[in-house]
Amino acid sequence: MYPAHLVAPMSKDLTDFGFEGLTTPEEVNTALDVKEGTALLVVNSVCGCAAAMARPGAKLSLQNGKTPTKVYTVFAGVDKEATERAREFLLPYPPSSPSIALFKDGKLVHFIERHHIEGRPAEAIADNLKQAFDHYC
């Protein structure tokens, strides 16, 4: 677990942009166990690919004609129980952080794992998400 004061700026990078931080399993259940609408979930982390690619890509993706109804984030290595609960919604994919998931009507419909984030520019991640938004949102 990382000290909260060290990761606060990394968390604020998304929450200041409008992503709702989910810090408990109950918040995750309320956010993701919704049978209507779309939701984007960013599993945030302290790694460089989260800072340089995942978070910027997720934010850029919201500059699109179609976007998810809600946007959320959990922080791996900080909010352990919330992240574990979120990962149950991401099955059958193995734990991956950072990662980005799109849900529609309570079902996982698009998922970007860490190995699809590493080494790719934020714009490519944003374009991937925008295509998913155009299809599902």
C-alpha atoms as a PDB file:
ATOM      1  CA  MET A   1       0.000   0.000   0.000  1.00  0.00           C
ATOM      2  CA  TYR A   2       1.238   3.450  -0.887  1.00  0.00           C
ATOM      3  CA  PRO A   3       0.968   6.403   1.504  1.00  0.00           C
ATOM      4  CA  ALA A   4      -2.090   8.480   0.606  1.00  0.00           C
ATOM      5  CA  HIS A   5      -0.179  11.769   0.594  1.00  0.00           C
ATOM      6  CA  LEU A   6       2.222  10.469  -2.067  1.00  0.00           C
ATOM      7  CA  VAL A   7      -0.508   9.309  -4.435  1.00  0.00           C
ATOM      8  CA  ALA A   8      -2.919  12.200  -3.876  1.00  0.00           C
ATOM      9  CA  PRO A   9      -1.674  14.146  -6.936  1.00  0.00           C
ATOM     10  CA  MET A  10      -1.995  11.007  -9.087  1.00  0.00           C
ATOM     11  CA  SER A  11      -5.529  10.480  -7.881  1.00  0.00           C
ATOM     12  CA  LYS A  12      -6.453  14.149  -8.312  1.00  0.00           C
ATOM     13  CA  ASP A  13      -5.280  13.977 -11.914  1.00  0.00           C
ATOM     14  CA  LEU A  14      -8.521  12.127 -12.645  1.00  0.00           C
ATOM     15  CA  THR A  15     -10.858  13.329  -9.896  1.00  0.00           C
ATOM     16  CA  ASP A  16     -10.139  16.977 -10.711  1.00  0.00           C
ATOM     17  CA  PHE A  17     -11.163  16.125 -14.279  1.00  0.00           C
ATOM     18  CA  GLY A  18     -14.548  14.782 -13.162  1.00  0.00           C
ATOM     19  CA  PHE A  19     -13.839  11.122 -12.453  1.00  0.00           C
ATOM     20  CA  GLU A  20     -15.486   9.966  -9.239  1.00  0.00           C
ATOM     21  CA  GLY A  21     -13.049   8.200  -6.941  1.00  0.00           C
ATOM     22  CA  LEU A  22     -14.332   4.911  -5.577  1.00  0.00           C
ATOM     23  CA  THR A  23     -12.642   4.053  -2.300  1.00  0.00           C
ATOM     24  CA  THR A  24     -14.825   1.312  -0.790  1.00  0.00           C
ATOM     25  CA  PRO A  25     -16.347  -1.919  -2.101  1.00  0.00           C
ATOM     26  CA  GLU A  26     -19.789  -0.459  -1.437  1.00  0.00           C
ATOM     27  CA  GLU A  27     -19.052   2.551  -3.653  1.00  0.00           C
ATOM     28  CA  VAL A  28     -17.850   0.201  -6.387  1.00  0.00           C
ATOM     29  CA  ASN A  29     -21.054  -1.843  -6.127  1.00  0.00           C
ATOM     30  CA  THR A  30     -23.220   1.273  -6.319  1.00  0.00           C
ATOM     31  CA  ALA A  31     -21.288   2.604  -9.315  1.00  0.00           C
ATOM     32  CA  LEU A  32     -20.851  -0.539 -11.395  1.00  0.00           C
ATOM     33  CA  ASP A  33     -23.850  -2.691 -10.522  1.00  0.00           C
ATOM     34  CA  VAL A  34     -26.100  -0.436 -12.605  1.00  0.00           C
ATOM     35  CA  LYS A  35     -28.364  -2.004 -15.200  1.00  0.00           C
ATOM     36  CA  GLU A  36     -28.782   1.143 -17.290  1.00  0.00           C
ATOM     37  CA  GLY A  37     -26.342   3.511 -18.956  1.00  0.00           C
ATOM     38  CA  THR A  38     -22.608   3.457 -19.518  1.00  0.00           C
ATOM     39  CA  ALA A  39     -19.673   3.820 -17.155  1.00  0.00           C
ATOM     40  CA  LEU A  40     -15.946   4.176 -17.673  1.00  0.00           C
ATOM     41  CA  LEU A  41     -13.649   2.853 -14.952  1.00  0.00           C
ATOM     42  CA  VAL A  42      -9.944   3.667 -14.772  1.00  0.00           C
ATOM     43  CA  VAL A  43      -7.899   1.408 -12.509  1.00  0.00           C
ATOM     44  CA  ASN A  44      -5.253   3.966 -11.607  1.00  0.00           C
ATOM     45  CA  SER A  45      -1.735   3.178 -10.417  1.00  0.00           C
ATOM     46  CA  VAL A  46       1.571   4.810  -9.530  1.00  0.00           C
ATOM     47  CA  CYS A  47       3.475   3.476 -12.534  1.00  0.00           C
ATOM     48  CA  GLY A  48       4.823   5.629 -15.309  1.00  0.00           C
ATOM     49  CA  CYS A  49       2.456   4.203 -17.910  1.00  0.00           C
ATOM     50  CA  ALA A  50      -0.487   5.385 -15.798  1.00  0.00           C
ATOM     51  CA  ALA A  51       0.956   8.900 -15.647  1.00  0.00           C
ATOM     52  CA  ALA A  52       2.088   9.183 -19.256  1.00  0.00           C
ATOM     53  CA  MET A  53      -0.492   7.088 -21.064  1.00  0.00           C
ATOM     54  CA  ALA A  54      -3.525   5.771 -19.163  1.00  0.00           C
ATOM     55  CA  ARG A  55      -4.685   8.886 -17.303  1.00  0.00           C
ATOM     56  CA  PRO A  56      -4.029  11.298 -20.172  1.00  0.00           C
ATOM     57  CA  GLY A  57      -5.642   8.868 -22.638  1.00  0.00           C
ATOM     58  CA  ALA A  58      -8.737   8.466 -20.483  1.00  0.00           C
ATOM     59  CA  LYS A  59      -9.100  12.252 -20.165  1.00  0.00           C
ATOM     60  CA  LEU A  60      -8.551  12.825 -23.899  1.00  0.00           C
ATOM     61  CA  SER A  61     -11.156  10.198 -24.733  1.00  0.00           C
ATOM     62  CA  LEU A  62     -13.849  12.309 -23.120  1.00  0.00           C
ATOM     63  CA  GLN A  63     -13.379  14.908 -25.855  1.00  0.00           C
ATOM     64  CA  ASN A  64     -15.770  12.993 -28.068  1.00  0.00           C
ATOM     65  CA  GLY A  65     -19.322  13.374 -29.316  1.00  0.00           C
ATOM     66  CA  LYS A  66     -20.403  10.287 -27.386  1.00  0.00           C
ATOM     67  CA  THR A  67     -19.136   9.656 -23.874  1.00  0.00           C
ATOM     68  CA  PRO A  68     -20.063   7.410 -20.959  1.00  0.00           C
ATOM     69  CA  THR A  69     -22.826   8.461 -18.604  1.00  0.00           C
ATOM     70  CA  LYS A  70     -20.474   8.181 -15.618  1.00  0.00           C
ATOM     71  CA  VAL A  71     -16.698   8.102 -15.164  1.00  0.00           C
ATOM     72  CA  TYR A  72     -15.020   6.453 -12.178  1.00  0.00           C
ATOM     73  CA  THR A  73     -11.613   5.520 -10.872  1.00  0.00           C
ATOM     74  CA  VAL A  74     -10.173   3.166  -8.278  1.00  0.00           C
ATOM     75  CA  PHE A  75      -6.557   3.327  -7.186  1.00  0.00           C
ATOM     76  CA  ALA A  76      -4.648   0.042  -7.114  1.00  0.00           C
ATOM     77  CA  GLY A  77      -2.203  -0.123  -4.251  1.00  0.00           C
ATOM     78  CA  VAL A  78      -4.148   2.475  -2.276  1.00  0.00           C
ATOM     79  CA  ASP A  79      -7.799   1.488  -2.029  1.00  0.00           C
ATOM     80  CA  LYS A  80      -7.193  -2.235  -1.803  1.00  0.00           C
ATOM     81  CA  GLU A  81     -10.715  -3.452  -1.030  1.00  0.00           C
ATOM     82  CA  ALA A  82     -12.344  -1.162  -3.610  1.00  0.00           C
ATOM     83  CA  THR A  83      -9.872  -2.288  -6.257  1.00  0.00           C
ATOM     84  CA  GLU A  84     -10.433  -5.948  -5.419  1.00  0.00           C
ATOM     85  CA  ARG A  85     -14.194  -5.470  -5.749  1.00  0.00           C
ATOM     86  CA  ALA A  86     -13.788  -3.583  -9.036  1.00  0.00           C
ATOM     87  CA  ARG A  87     -11.654  -6.411 -10.390  1.00  0.00           C
ATOM     88  CA  GLU A  88     -14.537  -8.809  -9.792  1.00  0.00           C
ATOM     89  CA  PHE A  89     -16.516  -6.744 -12.311  1.00  0.00           C
ATOM     90  CA  LEU A  90     -13.575  -7.055 -14.734  1.00  0.00           C
ATOM     91  CA  LEU A  91     -13.552 -10.844 -14.865  1.00  0.00           C
ATOM     92  CA  PRO A  92     -12.505 -12.885 -16.803  1.00  0.00           C
ATOM     93  CA  TYR A  93      -9.558 -10.504 -17.230  1.00  0.00           C
ATOM     94  CA  PRO A  94      -6.710 -10.912 -14.749  1.00  0.00           C
ATOM     95  CA  PRO A  95      -5.772  -8.005 -12.442  1.00  0.00           C
ATOM     96  CA  SER A  96      -4.168  -5.258 -14.469  1.00  0.00           C
ATOM     97  CA  SER A  97      -3.155  -1.797 -13.391  1.00  0.00           C
ATOM     98  CA  PRO A  98      -3.441   0.563 -14.947  1.00  0.00           C
ATOM     99  CA  SER A  99      -6.388  -0.542 -16.997  1.00  0.00           C
ATOM    100  CA  ILE A 100      -9.539   1.017 -18.415  1.00  0.00           C
ATOM    101  CA  ALA A 101     -12.966  -0.582 -18.638  1.00  0.00           C
ATOM    102  CA  LEU A 102     -16.227   0.430 -20.286  1.00  0.00           C
ATOM    103  CA  PHE A 103     -19.514  -0.951 -18.978  1.00  0.00           C
ATOM    104  CA  LYS A 104     -22.899  -0.792 -20.643  1.00  0.00           C
ATOM    105  CA  ASP A 105     -26.054  -1.680 -18.738  1.00  0.00           C
ATOM    106  CA  GLY A 106     -23.947  -3.326 -16.045  1.00  0.00           C
ATOM    107  CA  LYS A 107     -21.885  -5.469 -18.417  1.00  0.00           C
ATOM    108  CA  LEU A 108     -18.225  -5.137 -19.308  1.00  0.00           C
ATOM    109  CA  VAL A 109     -18.109  -4.350 -23.030  1.00  0.00           C
ATOM    110  CA  HIS A 110     -14.579  -3.009 -23.611  1.00  0.00           C
ATOM    111  CA  PHE A 111     -11.346  -3.438 -21.655  1.00  0.00           C
ATOM    112  CA  ILE A 112      -7.846  -2.089 -22.109  1.00  0.00           C
ATOM    113  CA  GLU A 113      -5.267  -4.040 -20.126  1.00  0.00           C
ATOM    114  CA  ARG A 114      -1.887  -2.748 -19.002  1.00  0.00           C
ATOM    115  CA  HIS A 115      -0.075  -4.510 -21.848  1.00  0.00           C
ATOM    116  CA  HIS A 116      -2.293  -2.540 -24.281  1.00  0.00           C
ATOM    117  CA  ILE A 117      -1.337   0.699 -22.511  1.00  0.00           C
ATOM    118  CA  GLU A 118       2.425   0.309 -22.106  1.00  0.00           C
ATOM    119  CA  GLY A 119       4.408   1.885 -24.917  1.00  0.00           C
ATOM    120  CA  ARG A 120       1.396   3.443 -26.617  1.00  0.00           C
ATOM    121  CA  PRO A 121       0.823   7.191 -26.732  1.00  0.00           C
ATOM    122  CA  ALA A 122      -2.107   8.671 -24.822  1.00  0.00           C
ATOM    123  CA  GLU A 123      -3.696   9.660 -28.135  1.00  0.00           C
ATOM    124  CA  ALA A 124      -3.825   6.021 -29.268  1.00  0.00           C
ATOM    125  CA  ILE A 125      -5.498   5.001 -26.019  1.00  0.00           C
ATOM    126  CA  ALA A 126      -7.956   7.881 -26.379  1.00  0.00           C
ATOM    127  CA  ASP A 127      -8.736   6.857 -29.967  1.00  0.00           C
ATOM    128  CA  ASN A 128      -9.343   3.272 -28.847  1.00  0.00           C
ATOM    129  CA  LEU A 129     -11.769   4.488 -26.172  1.00  0.00           C
ATOM    130  CA  LYS A 130     -13.496   6.933 -28.522  1.00  0.00           C
ATOM    131  CA  GLN A 131     -14.244   4.077 -30.917  1.00  0.00           C
ATOM    132  CA  ALA A 132     -15.737   2.106 -28.022  1.00  0.00           C
ATOM    133  CA  PHE A 133     -17.778   5.151 -26.947  1.00  0.00           C
ATOM    134  CA  ASP A 134     -19.089   5.612 -30.491  1.00  0.00           C
ATOM    135  CA  HIS A 135     -20.193   1.984 -30.527  1.00  0.00           C
ATOM    136  CA  TYR A 136     -21.588   1.589 -26.994  1.00  0.00           C
ATOM    137  CA  CYS A 137     -22.574   5.046 -25.702  1.00  0.00           C
END
